[in-house]
Amino acid sequence: MSNKNPFSDLFGAWASAIPGSSEAYDFDKIISAGRQNAKAFSDAAKAAAEGAQAVSRRQAEILQKTAEEASKYWKDVSSNSKSPEAGMAKQAEYTKQTIESAVANSKELFEMAAKSNSEASDIISKRIAESLSEISSNTNKKKKSEAAA
């Protein structure tokens, strides 16, 4: 079985019908670039999905911890409140801790999501840079071959 792409022959024959175009296109390179682009998008999607899973897992951990803390708080308030003032003081302290915890958790989740998005974006950016380099290289080769002719 041959590794040669059947579309190369088809596109090559088609391009040769256009005067001067058969030298301009290397269809194996074009197809290879398409494969590399597809792999980069696949890798970026995988990185984004893994990041989303990590954020979801962390959210579940935070939710579980928050539920445990709320349960502990309500047990403590219901059994140890000697006066309404003491209960209100505990409630104020719990509210303060809850808000501080929510802010810290939100920041952590945001940073996790940003890191994941950055990793996915870096994969695509790297492939774009590679593609531009390939295009530039192929254009320079074409210009050199035209100058030599």
N, C-alpha and C. Protein backbone atom coordinates (compact mmCIF):
# COMPACT_ATOMS: atom_id res chain seq x y z
N MET A 1 0.84 -1.18 0.00
CA MET A 1 0.00 0.00 0.00
C MET A 1 0.88 1.25 0.00
N SER A 2 0.54 2.19 -0.80
CA SER A 2 1.33 3.40 -0.96
C SER A 2 0.88 4.48 0.01
N ASN A 3 1.85 5.26 0.48
CA ASN A 3 1.52 6.38 1.37
C ASN A 3 1.24 7.64 0.57
N LYS A 4 1.35 7.57 -0.72
CA LYS A 4 1.11 8.73 -1.56
C LYS A 4 -0.36 9.10 -1.51
N ASN A 5 -0.61 10.36 -1.37
CA ASN A 5 -1.98 10.83 -1.29
C ASN A 5 -2.60 10.86 -2.69
N PRO A 6 -3.73 10.22 -2.89
CA PRO A 6 -4.35 10.20 -4.22
C PRO A 6 -4.80 11.58 -4.67
N PHE A 7 -5.06 12.47 -3.74
CA PHE A 7 -5.49 13.81 -4.12
C PHE A 7 -4.36 14.62 -4.73
N SER A 8 -3.11 14.28 -4.38
CA SER A 8 -1.98 14.99 -4.96
C SER A 8 -1.96 14.83 -6.47
N ASP A 9 -2.19 13.61 -6.92
CA ASP A 9 -2.20 13.37 -8.37
C ASP A 9 -3.37 14.11 -9.03
N LEU A 10 -4.52 14.05 -8.40
CA LEU A 10 -5.69 14.72 -8.95
C LEU A 10 -5.46 16.23 -9.03
N PHE A 11 -5.01 16.83 -7.91
CA PHE A 11 -4.78 18.27 -7.91
C PHE A 11 -3.61 18.64 -8.82
N GLY A 12 -2.60 17.78 -8.86
CA GLY A 12 -1.46 18.04 -9.73
C GLY A 12 -1.87 18.08 -11.19
N ALA A 13 -2.72 17.12 -11.59
CA ALA A 13 -3.21 17.10 -12.98
C ALA A 13 -4.07 18.33 -13.25
N TRP A 14 -4.88 18.69 -12.30
CA TRP A 14 -5.74 19.87 -12.46
C TRP A 14 -4.89 21.13 -12.58
N ALA A 15 -3.87 21.25 -11.74
CA ALA A 15 -3.03 22.44 -11.76
C ALA A 15 -2.20 22.52 -13.03
N SER A 16 -1.82 21.37 -13.56
CA SER A 16 -1.00 21.40 -14.78
C SER A 16 -1.78 21.91 -15.97
N ALA A 17 -3.09 21.88 -15.89
CA ALA A 17 -3.91 22.42 -16.97
C ALA A 17 -3.89 23.95 -16.99
N ILE A 18 -3.46 24.56 -15.91
CA ILE A 18 -3.37 26.02 -15.82
C ILE A 18 -1.92 26.39 -16.09
N PRO A 19 -1.68 27.17 -17.14
CA PRO A 19 -0.29 27.52 -17.51
C PRO A 19 0.47 28.15 -16.34
N GLY A 20 1.65 27.60 -16.08
CA GLY A 20 2.54 28.15 -15.06
C GLY A 20 2.18 27.78 -13.62
N SER A 21 1.09 27.07 -13.43
CA SER A 21 0.68 26.82 -12.05
C SER A 21 1.22 25.51 -11.49
N SER A 22 1.64 24.60 -12.34
CA SER A 22 2.07 23.30 -11.83
C SER A 22 3.30 23.41 -10.94
N GLU A 23 4.15 24.40 -11.20
CA GLU A 23 5.34 24.57 -10.36
C GLU A 23 4.99 25.32 -9.08
N ALA A 24 3.87 26.00 -9.07
CA ALA A 24 3.53 26.88 -7.95
C ALA A 24 3.02 26.12 -6.74
N TYR A 25 2.50 24.93 -6.94
CA TYR A 25 1.85 24.24 -5.84
C TYR A 25 2.47 22.87 -5.60
N ASP A 26 2.81 22.63 -4.36
CA ASP A 26 3.24 21.31 -3.94
C ASP A 26 2.10 20.76 -3.09
N PHE A 27 1.25 19.95 -3.72
CA PHE A 27 0.04 19.51 -3.05
C PHE A 27 0.31 18.59 -1.87
N ASP A 28 1.42 17.87 -1.91
CA ASP A 28 1.78 17.06 -0.74
C ASP A 28 2.02 17.96 0.47
N LYS A 29 2.68 19.10 0.25
CA LYS A 29 2.92 20.05 1.33
C LYS A 29 1.62 20.68 1.81
N ILE A 30 0.73 20.97 0.88
CA ILE A 30 -0.55 21.56 1.25
C ILE A 30 -1.35 20.58 2.10
N ILE A 31 -1.39 19.33 1.69
CA ILE A 31 -2.13 18.31 2.44
C ILE A 31 -1.47 18.08 3.80
N SER A 32 -0.14 18.05 3.82
CA SER A 32 0.57 17.88 5.09
C SER A 32 0.28 19.05 6.03
N ALA A 33 0.24 20.25 5.50
CA ALA A 33 -0.08 21.42 6.32
C ALA A 33 -1.50 21.31 6.88
N GLY A 34 -2.42 20.82 6.05
CA GLY A 34 -3.79 20.62 6.52
C GLY A 34 -3.85 19.63 7.66
N ARG A 35 -3.08 18.56 7.55
CA ARG A 35 -3.03 17.57 8.64
C ARG A 35 -2.46 18.18 9.92
N GLN A 36 -1.40 18.96 9.75
CA GLN A 36 -0.79 19.61 10.92
C GLN A 36 -1.76 20.60 11.56
N ASN A 37 -2.52 21.31 10.72
CA ASN A 37 -3.53 22.24 11.25
C ASN A 37 -4.59 21.49 12.03
N ALA A 38 -5.07 20.38 11.47
CA ALA A 38 -6.10 19.57 12.15
C ALA A 38 -5.56 19.04 13.47
N LYS A 39 -4.30 18.60 13.49
CA LYS A 39 -3.71 18.09 14.74
C LYS A 39 -3.60 19.21 15.77
N ALA A 40 -3.23 20.41 15.34
CA ALA A 40 -3.11 21.53 16.27
C ALA A 40 -4.48 21.86 16.86
N PHE A 41 -5.51 21.87 16.03
CA PHE A 41 -6.85 22.16 16.56
C PHE A 41 -7.32 21.05 17.49
N SER A 42 -6.98 19.82 17.16
CA SER A 42 -7.33 18.69 18.03
C SER A 42 -6.61 18.80 19.37
N ASP A 43 -5.33 19.12 19.33
CA ASP A 43 -4.55 19.28 20.56
C ASP A 43 -5.08 20.44 21.40
N ALA A 44 -5.46 21.53 20.74
CA ALA A 44 -6.00 22.68 21.46
C ALA A 44 -7.34 22.33 22.12
N ALA A 45 -8.17 21.61 21.39
CA ALA A 45 -9.47 21.20 21.95
C ALA A 45 -9.26 20.27 23.14
N LYS A 46 -8.28 19.38 23.03
CA LYS A 46 -7.98 18.47 24.14
C LYS A 46 -7.51 19.25 25.36
N ALA A 47 -6.63 20.21 25.15
CA ALA A 47 -6.13 21.03 26.27
C ALA A 47 -7.28 21.81 26.91
N ALA A 48 -8.17 22.36 26.09
CA ALA A 48 -9.31 23.11 26.63
C ALA A 48 -10.24 22.19 27.41
N ALA A 49 -10.48 21.00 26.89
CA ALA A 49 -11.36 20.04 27.58
C ALA A 49 -10.76 19.59 28.90
N GLU A 50 -9.46 19.33 28.90
CA GLU A 50 -8.80 18.93 30.15
C GLU A 50 -8.87 20.07 31.18
N GLY A 51 -8.70 21.28 30.71
CA GLY A 51 -8.80 22.43 31.61
C GLY A 51 -10.21 22.57 32.17
N ALA A 52 -11.21 22.38 31.33
CA ALA A 52 -12.60 22.47 31.79
C ALA A 52 -12.90 21.37 32.81
N GLN A 53 -12.36 20.19 32.58
CA GLN A 53 -12.55 19.10 33.54
C GLN A 53 -11.89 19.44 34.88
N ALA A 54 -10.70 20.01 34.83
CA ALA A 54 -10.00 20.37 36.07
C ALA A 54 -10.79 21.44 36.84
N VAL A 55 -11.33 22.41 36.12
CA VAL A 55 -12.13 23.45 36.76
C VAL A 55 -13.39 22.83 37.37
N SER A 56 -14.03 21.93 36.65
CA SER A 56 -15.24 21.26 37.16
C SER A 56 -14.94 20.45 38.42
N ARG A 57 -13.83 19.71 38.39
CA ARG A 57 -13.45 18.94 39.58
C ARG A 57 -13.22 19.85 40.79
N ARG A 58 -12.53 20.95 40.54
CA ARG A 58 -12.25 21.88 41.64
C ARG A 58 -13.54 22.52 42.15
N GLN A 59 -14.46 22.83 41.24
CA GLN A 59 -15.75 23.38 41.67
C GLN A 59 -16.49 22.39 42.57
N ALA A 60 -16.45 21.12 42.20
CA ALA A 60 -17.10 20.09 43.01
C ALA A 60 -16.46 20.01 44.39
N GLU A 61 -15.12 20.09 44.45
CA GLU A 61 -14.42 20.07 45.74
C GLU A 61 -14.83 21.27 46.59
N ILE A 62 -14.90 22.42 45.97
CA ILE A 62 -15.27 23.65 46.69
C ILE A 62 -16.71 23.53 47.21
N LEU A 63 -17.59 23.02 46.37
CA LEU A 63 -18.99 22.86 46.78
C LEU A 63 -19.11 21.91 47.97
N GLN A 64 -18.38 20.81 47.91
CA GLN A 64 -18.41 19.84 49.02
C GLN A 64 -17.89 20.48 50.31
N LYS A 65 -16.78 21.19 50.21
CA LYS A 65 -16.19 21.84 51.38
C LYS A 65 -17.15 22.89 51.95
N THR A 66 -17.78 23.65 51.07
CA THR A 66 -18.72 24.69 51.50
C THR A 66 -19.92 24.07 52.20
N ALA A 67 -20.43 22.98 51.67
CA ALA A 67 -21.57 22.30 52.31
C ALA A 67 -21.18 21.77 53.68
N GLU A 68 -19.99 21.21 53.80
CA GLU A 68 -19.52 20.72 55.11
C GLU A 68 -19.38 21.85 56.11
N GLU A 69 -18.83 22.98 55.67
CA GLU A 69 -18.66 24.13 56.56
C GLU A 69 -20.02 24.69 56.98
N ALA A 70 -20.98 24.75 56.06
CA ALA A 70 -22.32 25.26 56.40
C ALA A 70 -22.99 24.34 57.41
N SER A 71 -22.85 23.05 57.20
CA SER A 71 -23.45 22.08 58.13
C SER A 71 -22.84 22.25 59.53
N LYS A 72 -21.53 22.38 59.56
CA LYS A 72 -20.82 22.57 60.83
C LYS A 72 -21.28 23.86 61.50
N TYR A 73 -21.42 24.91 60.72
CA TYR A 73 -21.86 26.20 61.25
C TYR A 73 -23.25 26.08 61.87
N TRP A 74 -24.18 25.50 61.14
CA TRP A 74 -25.56 25.42 61.65
C TRP A 74 -25.66 24.54 62.90
N LYS A 75 -24.87 23.49 62.94
CA LYS A 75 -24.85 22.67 64.15
C LYS A 75 -24.31 23.47 65.33
N ASP A 76 -23.24 24.22 65.07
CA ASP A 76 -22.63 25.02 66.12
C ASP A 76 -23.59 26.10 66.61
N VAL A 77 -24.23 26.81 65.68
CA VAL A 77 -25.15 27.90 66.05
C VAL A 77 -26.35 27.35 66.81
N SER A 78 -26.88 26.24 66.33
CA SER A 78 -28.09 25.71 66.97
C SER A 78 -27.82 25.14 68.36
N SER A 79 -26.63 24.64 68.59
CA SER A 79 -26.37 24.02 69.89
C SER A 79 -25.63 24.92 70.87
N ASN A 80 -24.91 25.91 70.38
CA ASN A 80 -24.07 26.70 71.28
C ASN A 80 -24.48 28.16 71.43
N SER A 81 -25.54 28.58 70.84
CA SER A 81 -25.94 29.98 70.97
C SER A 81 -26.62 30.21 72.31
N LYS A 82 -25.94 30.97 73.12
CA LYS A 82 -26.47 31.23 74.47
C LYS A 82 -27.39 32.45 74.47
N SER A 83 -27.13 33.34 73.51
CA SER A 83 -27.96 34.54 73.43
C SER A 83 -28.11 34.94 71.96
N PRO A 84 -29.12 35.73 71.65
CA PRO A 84 -29.28 36.19 70.26
C PRO A 84 -28.06 36.97 69.78
N GLU A 85 -27.45 37.74 70.68
CA GLU A 85 -26.28 38.53 70.30
C GLU A 85 -25.10 37.62 69.92
N ALA A 86 -24.92 36.54 70.69
CA ALA A 86 -23.84 35.60 70.39
C ALA A 86 -24.11 34.90 69.05
N GLY A 87 -25.35 34.56 68.81
CA GLY A 87 -25.72 33.93 67.53
C GLY A 87 -25.48 34.87 66.36
N MET A 88 -25.82 36.14 66.54
CA MET A 88 -25.60 37.13 65.47
C MET A 88 -24.12 37.35 65.23
N ALA A 89 -23.33 37.34 66.30
CA ALA A 89 -21.88 37.51 66.15
C ALA A 89 -21.29 36.34 65.36
N LYS A 90 -21.74 35.13 65.69
CA LYS A 90 -21.26 33.95 64.94
C LYS A 90 -21.69 34.02 63.49
N GLN A 91 -22.93 34.47 63.27
CA GLN A 91 -23.43 34.57 61.90
C GLN A 91 -22.62 35.60 61.11
N ALA A 92 -22.30 36.71 61.73
CA ALA A 92 -21.50 37.74 61.06
C ALA A 92 -20.11 37.20 60.71
N GLU A 93 -19.49 36.48 61.66
CA GLU A 93 -18.17 35.89 61.41
C GLU A 93 -18.24 34.86 60.29
N TYR A 94 -19.26 34.02 60.32
CA TYR A 94 -19.43 33.00 59.27
C TYR A 94 -19.64 33.66 57.91
N THR A 95 -20.45 34.71 57.86
CA THR A 95 -20.71 35.42 56.60
C THR A 95 -19.41 36.01 56.06
N LYS A 96 -18.62 36.61 56.94
CA LYS A 96 -17.34 37.19 56.53
C LYS A 96 -16.42 36.11 55.95
N GLN A 97 -16.31 34.99 56.65
CA GLN A 97 -15.46 33.88 56.18
C GLN A 97 -15.98 33.32 54.84
N THR A 98 -17.28 33.23 54.71
CA THR A 98 -17.87 32.71 53.48
C THR A 98 -17.57 33.62 52.30
N ILE A 99 -17.69 34.90 52.50
CA ILE A 99 -17.40 35.86 51.42
C ILE A 99 -15.93 35.81 51.04
N GLU A 100 -15.06 35.80 52.04
CA GLU A 100 -13.61 35.73 51.76
C GLU A 100 -13.27 34.45 51.02
N SER A 101 -13.87 33.35 51.43
CA SER A 101 -13.64 32.07 50.78
C SER A 101 -14.17 32.08 49.34
N ALA A 102 -15.34 32.66 49.14
CA ALA A 102 -15.92 32.73 47.79
C ALA A 102 -15.04 33.54 46.86
N VAL A 103 -14.50 34.65 47.35
CA VAL A 103 -13.61 35.49 46.53
C VAL A 103 -12.34 34.71 46.17
N ALA A 104 -11.75 34.05 47.16
CA ALA A 104 -10.52 33.28 46.91
C ALA A 104 -10.79 32.13 45.94
N ASN A 105 -11.90 31.44 46.13
CA ASN A 105 -12.23 30.32 45.24
C ASN A 105 -12.51 30.79 43.82
N SER A 106 -13.21 31.91 43.70
CA SER A 106 -13.49 32.47 42.37
C SER A 106 -12.19 32.83 41.65
N LYS A 107 -11.27 33.43 42.40
CA LYS A 107 -9.98 33.81 41.82
C LYS A 107 -9.22 32.55 41.35
N GLU A 108 -9.23 31.52 42.19
CA GLU A 108 -8.55 30.28 41.84
C GLU A 108 -9.16 29.66 40.58
N LEU A 109 -10.47 29.60 40.51
CA LEU A 109 -11.14 29.01 39.34
C LEU A 109 -10.88 29.84 38.09
N PHE A 110 -10.90 31.15 38.23
CA PHE A 110 -10.61 32.02 37.10
C PHE A 110 -9.19 31.79 36.58
N GLU A 111 -8.23 31.69 37.50
CA GLU A 111 -6.84 31.47 37.09
C GLU A 111 -6.67 30.11 36.41
N MET A 112 -7.38 29.09 36.92
CA MET A 112 -7.32 27.77 36.28
C MET A 112 -7.87 27.84 34.85
N ALA A 113 -9.00 28.50 34.68
CA ALA A 113 -9.62 28.62 33.36
C ALA A 113 -8.73 29.44 32.42
N ALA A 114 -8.15 30.51 32.93
CA ALA A 114 -7.28 31.35 32.10
C ALA A 114 -6.05 30.58 31.65
N LYS A 115 -5.48 29.78 32.55
CA LYS A 115 -4.31 28.98 32.20
C LYS A 115 -4.66 27.97 31.11
N SER A 116 -5.79 27.32 31.26
CA SER A 116 -6.24 26.35 30.27
C SER A 116 -6.45 27.01 28.90
N ASN A 117 -7.12 28.16 28.90
CA ASN A 117 -7.35 28.87 27.64
C ASN A 117 -6.04 29.33 27.02
N SER A 118 -5.11 29.74 27.86
CA SER A 118 -3.81 30.18 27.36
C SER A 118 -3.05 29.02 26.71
N GLU A 119 -3.11 27.85 27.34
CA GLU A 119 -2.43 26.68 26.77
C GLU A 119 -3.03 26.32 25.41
N ALA A 120 -4.35 26.33 25.32
CA ALA A 120 -5.00 26.01 24.04
C ALA A 120 -4.66 27.06 22.99
N SER A 121 -4.68 28.31 23.39
CA SER A 121 -4.35 29.39 22.47
C SER A 121 -2.90 29.32 22.00
N ASP A 122 -2.00 28.94 22.90
CA ASP A 122 -0.58 28.82 22.54
C ASP A 122 -0.37 27.74 21.47
N ILE A 123 -1.13 26.66 21.56
CA ILE A 123 -1.01 25.59 20.56
C ILE A 123 -1.38 26.12 19.18
N ILE A 124 -2.49 26.85 19.12
CA ILE A 124 -2.94 27.41 17.83
C ILE A 124 -1.95 28.47 17.35
N SER A 125 -1.50 29.33 18.24
CA SER A 125 -0.55 30.39 17.86
C SER A 125 0.73 29.80 17.30
N LYS A 126 1.21 28.74 17.94
CA LYS A 126 2.44 28.09 17.47
C LYS A 126 2.23 27.54 16.05
N ARG A 127 1.07 26.93 15.81
CA ARG A 127 0.81 26.37 14.49
C ARG A 127 0.67 27.47 13.44
N ILE A 128 0.07 28.58 13.83
CA ILE A 128 -0.04 29.71 12.89
C ILE A 128 1.36 30.20 12.52
N ALA A 129 2.23 30.34 13.50
CA ALA A 129 3.61 30.78 13.23
C ALA A 129 4.33 29.79 12.31
N GLU A 130 4.13 28.48 12.57
CA GLU A 130 4.73 27.47 11.71
C GLU A 130 4.19 27.57 10.29
N SER A 131 2.90 27.77 10.16
CA SER A 131 2.28 27.88 8.83
C SER A 131 2.82 29.08 8.07
N LEU A 132 2.93 30.21 8.77
CA LEU A 132 3.47 31.41 8.11
C LEU A 132 4.91 31.20 7.68
N SER A 133 5.67 30.49 8.51
CA SER A 133 7.06 30.18 8.16
C SER A 133 7.11 29.27 6.93
N GLU A 134 6.23 28.29 6.89
CA GLU A 134 6.17 27.38 5.73
C GLU A 134 5.80 28.14 4.46
N ILE A 135 4.82 29.02 4.58
CA ILE A 135 4.39 29.80 3.42
C ILE A 135 5.53 30.69 2.94
N SER A 136 6.20 31.34 3.88
CA SER A 136 7.32 32.21 3.53
C SER A 136 8.44 31.43 2.87
N SER A 137 8.74 30.26 3.40
CA SER A 137 9.78 29.41 2.84
C SER A 137 9.43 28.98 1.42
N ASN A 138 8.20 28.57 1.22
CA ASN A 138 7.76 28.13 -0.11
C ASN A 138 7.74 29.30 -1.09
N THR A 139 7.36 30.48 -0.64
CA THR A 139 7.33 31.66 -1.50
C THR A 139 8.75 32.04 -1.90
N ASN A 140 9.69 31.99 -0.94
CA ASN A 140 11.08 32.32 -1.24
C ASN A 140 11.68 31.33 -2.24
N LYS A 141 11.35 30.03 -2.10
CA LYS A 141 11.84 29.03 -3.06
C LYS A 141 11.29 29.32 -4.44
N LYS A 142 10.01 29.70 -4.52
CA LYS A 142 9.37 29.98 -5.81
C LYS A 142 10.04 31.19 -6.45
N LYS A 143 10.32 32.23 -5.67
CA LYS A 143 10.96 33.44 -6.20
C LYS A 143 12.37 33.13 -6.71
N LYS A 144 13.11 32.29 -5.97
CA LYS A 144 14.46 31.92 -6.37
C LYS A 144 14.44 31.13 -7.67
N SER A 145 13.46 30.19 -7.78
CA SER A 145 13.40 29.38 -9.00
C SER A 145 12.98 30.24 -10.19
N GLU A 146 12.14 31.24 -9.98
CA GLU A 146 11.75 32.14 -11.08
C GLU A 146 12.93 33.03 -11.48
N ALA A 147 13.73 33.45 -10.50
CA ALA A 147 14.88 34.30 -10.80
C ALA A 147 15.95 33.52 -11.55
N ALA A 148 16.08 32.23 -11.24
CA ALA A 148 17.08 31.41 -11.92
C ALA A 148 16.67 31.09 -13.34
N ALA A 149 15.38 31.13 -13.62
CA ALA A 149 14.88 30.76 -14.96
C ALA A 149 15.01 31.85 -15.94
